[in-house]
Amino acid sequence: MVRKIPTLSLTDFETKAKKNQIYQSMVENIAQGVKYNLDVINVAEIKDRDIIISVHKKEWKSGLNKALDYYVKREEYEECSKIKKLIDRL
């Protein structure tokens, strides 16, 4: 199970310019975390900083709820359904 995480510039991360990419990575990696009973998942890497953004299991539900809000606003209901199922599994 090897997941590739997005590599973002510090500016993109700070300005939330790649919000869609971050939420997509978070949802996919939480799904893997649930499947493999992980305690922590990685979401993104900050380019040229050797920083990995990680989310601990106790924060997954909160992160998924934020992702759900994001995708509802974008009217991406297929993704919303996927997220809701993940939330129900936690």
Foldseek 3Di string as FASTA:
>chain_A
DDDDAEEAEPVCVVVVVVVVSQLVQLLVQLVVCLVVVHQKGWRYHHPPPRDTDMDGPVCSLVSLVVSLVVCVVVVVVVVNVSSVVSNVSD
